[in-house]
C-alpha atoms as a PDB file:
ATOM      1  CA  MET A   1     -17.612  15.966  84.930  1.00  0.00           C
ATOM      2  CA  ASN A   2     -18.508  18.966  84.618  1.00  0.00           C
ATOM      3  CA  LEU A   3     -20.709  19.722  81.721  1.00  0.00           C
ATOM      4  CA  HIS A   4     -18.605  21.605  79.778  1.00  0.00           C
ATOM      5  CA  ASN A   5     -16.060  18.716  79.754  1.00  0.00           C
ATOM      6  CA  ARG A   6     -18.973  16.024  79.179  1.00  0.00           C
ATOM      7  CA  ALA A   7     -20.054  18.169  75.835  1.00  0.00           C
ATOM      8  CA  PHE A   8     -16.861  18.069  74.609  1.00  0.00           C
ATOM      9  CA  PHE A   9     -15.973  14.740  75.097  1.00  0.00           C
ATOM     10  CA  LEU A  10     -19.666  13.715  73.085  1.00  0.00           C
ATOM     11  CA  LYS A  11     -18.418  15.491  69.935  1.00  0.00           C
ATOM     12  CA  THR A  12     -14.999  13.876  70.612  1.00  0.00           C
ATOM     13  CA  LEU A  13     -16.064  10.605  70.593  1.00  0.00           C
ATOM     14  CA  ALA A  14     -18.958  11.472  68.447  1.00  0.00           C
ATOM     15  CA  PHE A  15     -15.978  12.513  65.415  1.00  0.00           C
ATOM     16  CA  LEU A  16     -14.168   9.736  66.163  1.00  0.00           C
ATOM     17  CA  LEU A  17     -16.984   7.356  65.280  1.00  0.00           C
ATOM     18  CA  SER A  18     -17.735   8.742  62.294  1.00  0.00           C
ATOM     19  CA  ALA A  19     -14.279   8.984  61.156  1.00  0.00           C
ATOM     20  CA  MET A  20     -14.105   5.147  61.950  1.00  0.00           C
ATOM     21  CA  LEU A  21     -17.197   4.494  59.293  1.00  0.00           C
ATOM     22  CA  PHE A  22     -16.466   6.977  56.835  1.00  0.00           C
ATOM     23  CA  SER A  23     -13.103   4.831  57.128  1.00  0.00           C
ATOM     24  CA  GLY A  24     -14.530   1.402  56.394  1.00  0.00           C
ATOM     25  CA  ALA A  25     -17.094   2.483  53.476  1.00  0.00           C
ATOM     26  CA  VAL A  26     -14.090   3.895  51.763  1.00  0.00           C
ATOM     27  CA  SER A  27     -12.084   1.023  52.280  1.00  0.00           C
ATOM     28  CA  ASP A  28     -15.670  -0.881  50.547  1.00  0.00           C
ATOM     29  CA  LEU A  29     -15.019   1.128  47.057  1.00  0.00           C
ATOM     30  CA  PRO A  30     -13.362   0.090  44.118  1.00  0.00           C
ATOM     31  CA  ALA A  31     -10.206   0.791  44.470  1.00  0.00           C
ATOM     32  CA  GLN A  32      -8.759   3.107  41.345  1.00  0.00           C
ATOM     33  CA  GLU A  33      -7.443   2.126  38.148  1.00  0.00           C
ATOM     34  CA  LYS A  34      -3.368   2.059  38.677  1.00  0.00           C
ATOM     35  CA  SER A  35      -2.676   0.827  35.184  1.00  0.00           C
ATOM     36  CA  CYS A  36      -3.216   1.665  31.375  1.00  0.00           C
ATOM     37  CA  VAL A  37      -2.882  -1.852  29.178  1.00  0.00           C
ATOM     38  CA  VAL A  38      -1.484  -1.921  26.155  1.00  0.00           C
ATOM     39  CA  LYS A  39      -2.172  -4.814  23.780  1.00  0.00           C
ATOM     40  CA  HIS A  40       0.280  -4.260  21.336  1.00  0.00           C
ATOM     41  CA  PRO A  41       3.188  -7.172  21.584  1.00  0.00           C
ATOM     42  CA  ALA A  42       5.619  -4.879  21.333  1.00  0.00           C
ATOM     43  CA  LEU A  43       5.066  -2.125  23.394  1.00  0.00           C
ATOM     44  CA  SER A  44       3.893  -3.463  26.266  1.00  0.00           C
ATOM     45  CA  GLY A  45       6.410  -2.655  29.096  1.00  0.00           C
ATOM     46  CA  ASN A  46       5.313   0.659  30.414  1.00  0.00           C
ATOM     47  CA  TYR A  47       2.597   3.130  29.230  1.00  0.00           C
ATOM     48  CA  SER A  48       1.721   6.586  30.563  1.00  0.00           C
ATOM     49  CA  GLY A  49      -0.697   8.411  29.212  1.00  0.00           C
ATOM     50  CA  ASP A  50      -4.542   8.901  29.032  1.00  0.00           C
ATOM     51  CA  CYS A  51      -6.653   5.909  29.629  1.00  0.00           C
ATOM     52  CA  LYS A  52     -10.147   5.076  29.018  1.00  0.00           C
ATOM     53  CA  ASN A  53     -12.046   1.911  30.646  1.00  0.00           C
ATOM     54  CA  GLY A  54      -8.356   0.124  31.350  1.00  0.00           C
ATOM     55  CA  PHE A  55      -6.612   0.600  27.975  1.00  0.00           C
ATOM     56  CA  ALA A  56      -4.533   2.849  26.812  1.00  0.00           C
ATOM     57  CA  ASP A  57      -6.729   5.428  24.952  1.00  0.00           C
ATOM     58  CA  GLY A  58      -5.633   9.289  24.152  1.00  0.00           C
ATOM     59  CA  ARG A  59      -2.499  10.385  23.918  1.00  0.00           C
ATOM     60  CA  GLY A  60       0.450   8.248  25.831  1.00  0.00           C
ATOM     61  CA  VAL A  61       3.779   6.808  25.040  1.00  0.00           C
ATOM     62  CA  ALA A  62       4.426   2.804  25.203  1.00  0.00           C
ATOM     63  CA  GLU A  63       7.594   1.238  25.685  1.00  0.00           C
ATOM     64  CA  GLY A  64       7.980  -2.201  25.962  1.00  0.00           C
ATOM     65  CA  THR A  65      11.121  -4.017  22.809  1.00  0.00           C
ATOM     66  CA  ASP A  66       9.805  -1.264  20.880  1.00  0.00           C
ATOM     67  CA  LYS A  67       8.341   1.950  21.471  1.00  0.00           C
ATOM     68  CA  TYR A  68       5.831   4.733  20.725  1.00  0.00           C
ATOM     69  CA  PHE A  69       3.959   8.132  21.556  1.00  0.00           C
ATOM     70  CA  GLY A  70       1.088   8.982  20.229  1.00  0.00           C
ATOM     71  CA  GLN A  71      -2.394   8.954  19.877  1.00  0.00           C
ATOM     72  CA  PHE A  72      -3.597   5.531  21.129  1.00  0.00           C
ATOM     73  CA  ARG A  73      -7.138   3.906  20.983  1.00  0.00           C
ATOM     74  CA  ASN A  74      -8.912   1.028  23.026  1.00  0.00           C
ATOM     75  CA  GLY A  75      -4.199  -0.063  23.569  1.00  0.00           C
ATOM     76  CA  MET A  76      -3.570  -0.022  20.180  1.00  0.00           C
ATOM     77  CA  PRO A  77      -1.581   3.003  18.353  1.00  0.00           C
ATOM     78  CA  HIS A  78      -4.057   4.244  16.773  1.00  0.00           C
ATOM     79  CA  GLY A  79      -4.211   8.411  14.855  1.00  0.00           C
ATOM     80  CA  LYS A  80      -1.304  10.253  14.518  1.00  0.00           C
ATOM     81  CA  GLY A  81       2.348   9.268  16.297  1.00  0.00           C
ATOM     82  CA  THR A  82       5.854   7.930  16.186  1.00  0.00           C
ATOM     83  CA  TYR A  83       7.246   4.534  16.341  1.00  0.00           C
ATOM     84  CA  THR A  84      10.645   3.287  16.966  1.00  0.00           C
ATOM     85  CA  TRP A  85      11.541  -0.320  16.405  1.00  0.00           C
ATOM     86  CA  ALA A  86      14.501  -1.807  18.913  1.00  0.00           C
ATOM     87  CA  ASP A  87      16.925  -0.999  16.087  1.00  0.00           C
ATOM     88  CA  GLY A  88      16.366   2.028  15.376  1.00  0.00           C
ATOM     89  CA  SER A  89      14.288   2.429  12.447  1.00  0.00           C
ATOM     90  CA  TYR A  90      11.372   4.602  12.895  1.00  0.00           C
ATOM     91  CA  TYR A  91       7.697   5.568  11.254  1.00  0.00           C
ATOM     92  CA  ILE A  92       6.085   8.592  11.746  1.00  0.00           C
ATOM     93  CA  GLY A  93       2.532   8.956  10.472  1.00  0.00           C
ATOM     94  CA  HIS A  94      -0.873   7.782  10.621  1.00  0.00           C
ATOM     95  CA  PHE A  95      -1.968   4.053  12.094  1.00  0.00           C
ATOM     96  CA  GLN A  96      -5.016   2.947  12.415  1.00  0.00           C
ATOM     97  CA  ASN A  97      -5.465  -0.458  15.391  1.00  0.00           C
ATOM     98  CA  GLY A  98      -1.760  -0.482  15.695  1.00  0.00           C
ATOM     99  CA  LEU A  99      -1.266  -1.030  11.667  1.00  0.00           C
ATOM    100  CA  LYS A 100       0.501   1.857   9.092  1.00  0.00           C
ATOM    101  CA  GLU A 101      -2.553   3.365   8.013  1.00  0.00           C
ATOM    102  CA  GLY A 102      -2.145   6.407   5.456  1.00  0.00           C
ATOM    103  CA  LYS A 103      -0.082   9.048   5.070  1.00  0.00           C
ATOM    104  CA  GLY A 104       3.525   9.020   6.688  1.00  0.00           C
ATOM    105  CA  LYS A 105       7.644   8.265   7.049  1.00  0.00           C
ATOM    106  CA  LEU A 106       9.925   5.102   6.885  1.00  0.00           C
ATOM    107  CA  VAL A 107      12.903   5.700   8.345  1.00  0.00           C
ATOM    108  CA  ARG A 108      15.820   2.652   8.262  1.00  0.00           C
ATOM    109  CA  LYS A 109      19.727   3.185   8.865  1.00  0.00           C
ATOM    110  CA  ASP A 110      20.285   3.199   5.167  1.00  0.00           C
ATOM    111  CA  SER A 111      16.845   4.922   3.468  1.00  0.00           C
ATOM    112  CA  SER A 112      13.634   6.250   3.854  1.00  0.00           C
ATOM    113  CA  ILE A 113      10.480   5.646   2.174  1.00  0.00           C
ATOM    114  CA  THR A 114       7.099   8.694   2.481  1.00  0.00           C
ATOM    115  CA  GLY A 115       4.108   8.047   1.025  1.00  0.00           C
ATOM    116  CA  ILE A 116       0.774   6.138   1.601  1.00  0.00           C
ATOM    117  CA  TRP A 117      -0.157   3.039   3.460  1.00  0.00           C
ATOM    118  CA  LYS A 118      -2.973   0.229   3.480  1.00  0.00           C
ATOM    119  CA  ALA A 119      -2.867  -2.790   6.148  1.00  0.00           C
ATOM    120  CA  ASP A 120       1.254  -2.253   7.215  1.00  0.00           C
ATOM    121  CA  ARG A 121       1.229  -1.974   3.722  1.00  0.00           C
ATOM    122  CA  TYR A 122       3.545   0.457   1.756  1.00  0.00           C
ATOM    123  CA  VAL A 123       0.973   1.006  -1.888  1.00  0.00           C
ATOM    124  CA  GLY A 124       3.129   4.380  -2.921  1.00  0.00           C
ATOM    125  CA  GLU A 125       3.519   7.982  -2.994  1.00  0.00           C
ATOM    126  CA  LYS A 126       0.019   8.659  -3.118  1.00  0.00           C
ATOM    127  CA  LEU A 127      -3.256   7.380  -2.873  1.00  0.00           C
ATOM    128  CA  VAL A 128      -4.485   5.153  -6.211  1.00  0.00           C
ATOM    129  CA  PRO A 129      -8.006   5.249  -6.874  1.00  0.00           C
ATOM    130  CA  PRO A 130      -9.949   1.847  -6.767  1.00  0.00           C
ATOM    131  CA  TYR A 131     -11.291   2.953 -10.731  1.00  0.00           C
ATOM    132  CA  GLN A 132     -10.980   5.938 -12.579  1.00  0.00           C
ATOM    133  CA  ILE A 133     -13.584   7.880 -15.051  1.00  0.00           C
ATOM    134  CA  ASN A 134     -11.113   9.120 -17.459  1.00  0.00           C
ATOM    135  CA  ARG A 135     -13.915  10.180 -20.820  1.00  0.00           C
ATOM    136  CA  SER A 136     -17.809  10.831 -20.289  1.00  0.00           C
ATOM    137  CA  VAL A 137     -19.151  11.519 -23.441  1.00  0.00           C
ATOM    138  CA  SER A 138     -23.007  11.121 -23.370  1.00  0.00           C
ATOM    139  CA  ILE A 139     -23.251   9.094 -20.686  1.00  0.00           C
ATOM    140  CA  THR A 140     -26.151   9.820 -17.554  1.00  0.00           C
ATOM    141  CA  ARG A 141     -24.620   8.108 -14.810  1.00  0.00           C
ATOM    142  CA  SER A 142     -22.222   5.718 -14.349  1.00  0.00           C
ATOM    143  CA  THR A 143     -22.039   2.913 -10.927  1.00  0.00           C
ATOM    144  CA  PHE A 144     -19.061   1.088 -10.280  1.00  0.00           C
ATOM    145  CA  LYS A 145     -19.551  -2.383  -7.851  1.00  0.00           C
ATOM    146  CA  LYS A 146     -17.104  -5.381  -6.485  1.00  0.00           C
ATOM    147  CA  LEU A 147     -18.657  -8.717  -7.120  1.00  0.00           C
ATOM    148  CA  ALA A 148     -17.979 -11.689  -4.264  1.00  0.00           C
ATOM    149  CA  GLY A 149     -16.531 -14.713  -6.103  1.00  0.00           C
ATOM    150  CA  SER A 150     -12.742 -15.829  -6.796  1.00  0.00           C
ATOM    151  CA  GLY A 151     -11.034 -14.309 -10.291  1.00  0.00           C
ATOM    152  CA  ASN A 152     -10.531 -11.109 -11.692  1.00  0.00           C
ATOM    153  CA  TYR A 153     -13.452  -9.913 -14.183  1.00  0.00           C
ATOM    154  CA  ILE A 154     -15.360  -7.184 -15.530  1.00  0.00           C
ATOM    155  CA  ARG A 155     -18.953  -7.160 -16.695  1.00  0.00           C
ATOM    156  CA  ILE A 156     -20.203  -3.989 -17.572  1.00  0.00           C
ATOM    157  CA  LYS A 157     -24.374  -3.116 -18.668  1.00  0.00           C
ATOM    158  CA  PHE A 158     -25.252  -0.611 -21.062  1.00  0.00           C
ATOM    159  CA  THR A 159     -28.734   0.435 -19.920  1.00  0.00           C
ATOM    160  CA  ARG A 160     -31.172   3.422 -20.379  1.00  0.00           C
ATOM    161  CA  GLY A 161     -34.525   3.625 -18.350  1.00  0.00           C
ATOM    162  CA  GLY A 162     -33.789   0.265 -17.237  1.00  0.00           C
ATOM    163  CA  VAL A 163     -33.780  -1.645 -20.618  1.00  0.00           C
ATOM    164  CA  GLU A 164     -30.442  -3.201 -21.199  1.00  0.00           C
ATOM    165  CA  ASN A 165     -28.752  -1.845 -25.104  1.00  0.00           C
ATOM    166  CA  ILE A 166     -31.687  -0.516 -25.984  1.00  0.00           C
ATOM    167  CA  ASP A 167     -31.551   1.206 -29.305  1.00  0.00           C
ATOM    168  CA  ILE A 168     -27.377   0.898 -29.501  1.00  0.00           C
ATOM    169  CA  ILE A 169     -25.715   0.572 -33.003  1.00  0.00           C
ATOM    170  CA  ASP A 170     -22.120   0.107 -33.796  1.00  0.00           C
ATOM    171  CA  PHE A 171     -21.188  -1.102 -30.762  1.00  0.00           C
ATOM    172  CA  SER A 172     -16.637  -1.203 -29.785  1.00  0.00           C
ATOM    173  CA  LEU A 173     -14.648  -2.319 -26.556  1.00  0.00           C
ATOM    174  CA  ALA A 174     -11.852  -1.661 -26.216  1.00  0.00           C
ATOM    175  CA  HIS A 175      -9.089  -3.150 -23.765  1.00  0.00           C
ATOM    176  CA  ASP A 176      -5.190  -2.976 -22.616  1.00  0.00           C
ATOM    177  CA  SER A 177      -5.364  -6.742 -21.725  1.00  0.00           C
ATOM    178  CA  GLY A 178      -7.924 -10.268 -20.697  1.00  0.00           C
ATOM    179  CA  GLU A 179     -10.252 -11.432 -23.289  1.00  0.00           C
ATOM    180  CA  GLN A 180     -13.877 -10.560 -24.275  1.00  0.00           C
ATOM    181  CA  TYR A 181     -17.231 -12.208 -23.266  1.00  0.00           C
ATOM    182  CA  ARG A 182     -20.605 -11.632 -23.878  1.00  0.00           C
ATOM    183  CA  ILE A 183     -23.738 -12.650 -21.443  1.00  0.00           C
ATOM    184  CA  GLY A 184     -26.826 -12.362 -22.259  1.00  0.00           C
ATOM    185  CA  GLN A 185     -26.549  -8.482 -22.699  1.00  0.00           C
ATOM    186  CA  SER A 186     -23.754  -8.128 -20.633  1.00  0.00           C
ATOM    187  CA  TYR A 187     -20.081  -7.669 -21.914  1.00  0.00           C
ATOM    188  CA  GLY A 188     -17.592  -8.776 -20.173  1.00  0.00           C
ATOM    189  CA  ILE A 189     -13.501  -9.287 -19.747  1.00  0.00           C
ATOM    190  CA  GLN A 190     -11.740 -11.617 -18.071  1.00  0.00           C
ATOM    191  CA  ASN A 191      -7.821 -13.028 -17.451  1.00  0.00           C
ATOM    192  CA  SER A 192      -7.201  -9.339 -17.392  1.00  0.00           C
ATOM    193  CA  GLN A 193      -4.175  -7.679 -15.739  1.00  0.00           C
ATOM    194  CA  PHE A 194      -4.676  -4.418 -13.393  1.00  0.00           C
ATOM    195  CA  PRO A 195      -4.573  -1.598 -13.646  1.00  0.00           C
ATOM    196  CA  LEU A 196      -6.977  -2.419 -17.077  1.00  0.00           C
ATOM    197  CA  GLY A 197      -8.011   0.422 -19.687  1.00  0.00           C
ATOM    198  CA  VAL A 198     -11.417   0.568 -21.216  1.00  0.00           C
ATOM    199  CA  ILE A 199     -12.405   2.094 -24.273  1.00  0.00           C
ATOM    200  CA  VAL A 200     -16.743   2.007 -24.597  1.00  0.00           C
ATOM    201  CA  ARG A 201     -18.075   3.506 -27.886  1.00  0.00           C
ATOM    202  CA  PHE A 202     -20.837   3.288 -29.573  1.00  0.00           C
ATOM    203  CA  ARG A 203     -24.562   4.992 -30.970  1.00  0.00           C
ATOM    204  CA  ALA A 204     -27.886   5.366 -30.519  1.00  0.00           C
ATOM    205  CA  TRP A 205     -31.075   6.834 -30.852  1.00  0.00           C
ATOM    206  CA  ASN A 206     -33.023   8.843 -28.554  1.00  0.00           C
ATOM    207  CA  TYR A 207     -36.270   8.753 -26.539  1.00  0.00           C
ATOM    208  CA  PHE A 208     -38.214   9.621 -29.737  1.00  0.00           C
ATOM    209  CA  HIS A 209     -36.329   7.498 -32.058  1.00  0.00           C
ATOM    210  CA  SER A 210     -35.379  10.869 -33.691  1.00  0.00           C
ATOM    211  CA  ALA A 211     -32.162  10.934 -33.995  1.00  0.00           C
ATOM    212  CA  GLN A 212     -28.717   9.132 -32.914  1.00  0.00           C
ATOM    213  CA  PHE A 213     -26.142  10.339 -30.697  1.00  0.00           C
ATOM    214  CA  GLU A 214     -22.758   9.190 -30.358  1.00  0.00           C
ATOM    215  CA  ALA A 215     -21.258   7.642 -26.500  1.00  0.00           C
ATOM    216  CA  ASN A 216     -17.723   7.515 -25.031  1.00  0.00           C
ATOM    217  CA  PHE A 217     -17.447   6.312 -21.507  1.00  0.00           C
ATOM    218  CA  GLU A 218     -12.984   5.460 -20.577  1.00  0.00           C
ATOM    219  CA  PHE A 219     -12.305   3.890 -17.737  1.00  0.00           C
ATOM    220  CA  THR A 220      -9.238   2.425 -15.732  1.00  0.00           C
ATOM    221  CA  ILE A 221      -9.546  -0.065 -12.770  1.00  0.00           C
ATOM    222  CA  ASN A 222      -6.702  -0.369 -10.583  1.00  0.00           C
ATOM    223  CA  GLU A 223      -7.602  -2.958  -8.012  1.00  0.00           C
ATOM    224  CA  PRO A 224      -7.717  -7.123  -8.646  1.00  0.00           C
ATOM    225  CA  ALA A 225     -11.402  -7.609  -8.224  1.00  0.00           C
ATOM    226  CA  ASN A 226     -14.464  -8.969  -9.793  1.00  0.00           C
ATOM    227  CA  TRP A 227     -16.019  -5.915 -11.179  1.00  0.00           C
ATOM    228  CA  GLU A 228     -20.090  -5.183 -12.551  1.00  0.00           C
ATOM    229  CA  VAL A 229     -19.866  -2.144 -14.435  1.00  0.00           C
ATOM    230  CA  ASN A 230     -23.442  -0.394 -14.664  1.00  0.00           C
ATOM    231  CA  VAL A 231     -23.316   2.220 -17.046  1.00  0.00           C
ATOM    232  CA  SER A 232     -26.342   4.614 -18.197  1.00  0.00           C
ATOM    233  CA  TYR A 233     -26.865   6.644 -21.496  1.00  0.00           C
END
């Protein structure tokens, strides 16, 4: 074998050995992810679209007994999309963790409804806040807080400078339903129905005790719960 042929042979042998080693190294690498999991039971059949950490995440299409086209997060419909049931009914709107949440439109064979959903439940044509202030005169600040526990009642505190009911005169409390009670310096309403409208009126002395002012605070609580309302004047 002359020098030229020998050099060619060595180069070829080196190339083959490198290819074999490289092939073995590649075979040791983890296999590429081949499928994305859709967690929703009625959609866990075929899926095509974006994927993250083995789950449908991003924009995609899933089909099982039902169909869905839209945004996913962690394997569930999340964001805007269209969900079609096996009977042909469909919903176009927003989802959160697989449930209808926010604004959307539900179309059935003989009817359709548009509005707001919360936790897969239709709540109305527009979102109703838990509470709303209707009128506030000579009130410097107010806060509404839900308290733990069973039952539905309203507890109202009136404070000025951290002291409750200081220099209040001619206090009156009116409400749509329920029974009024008092604990210490706090007023309350129990056994009421919601939405509950409340009107508070009183007069109070100013800081210098040189003049009086009239205060009026009117609010509505729409969501049943145990509420604590703090009113500063």
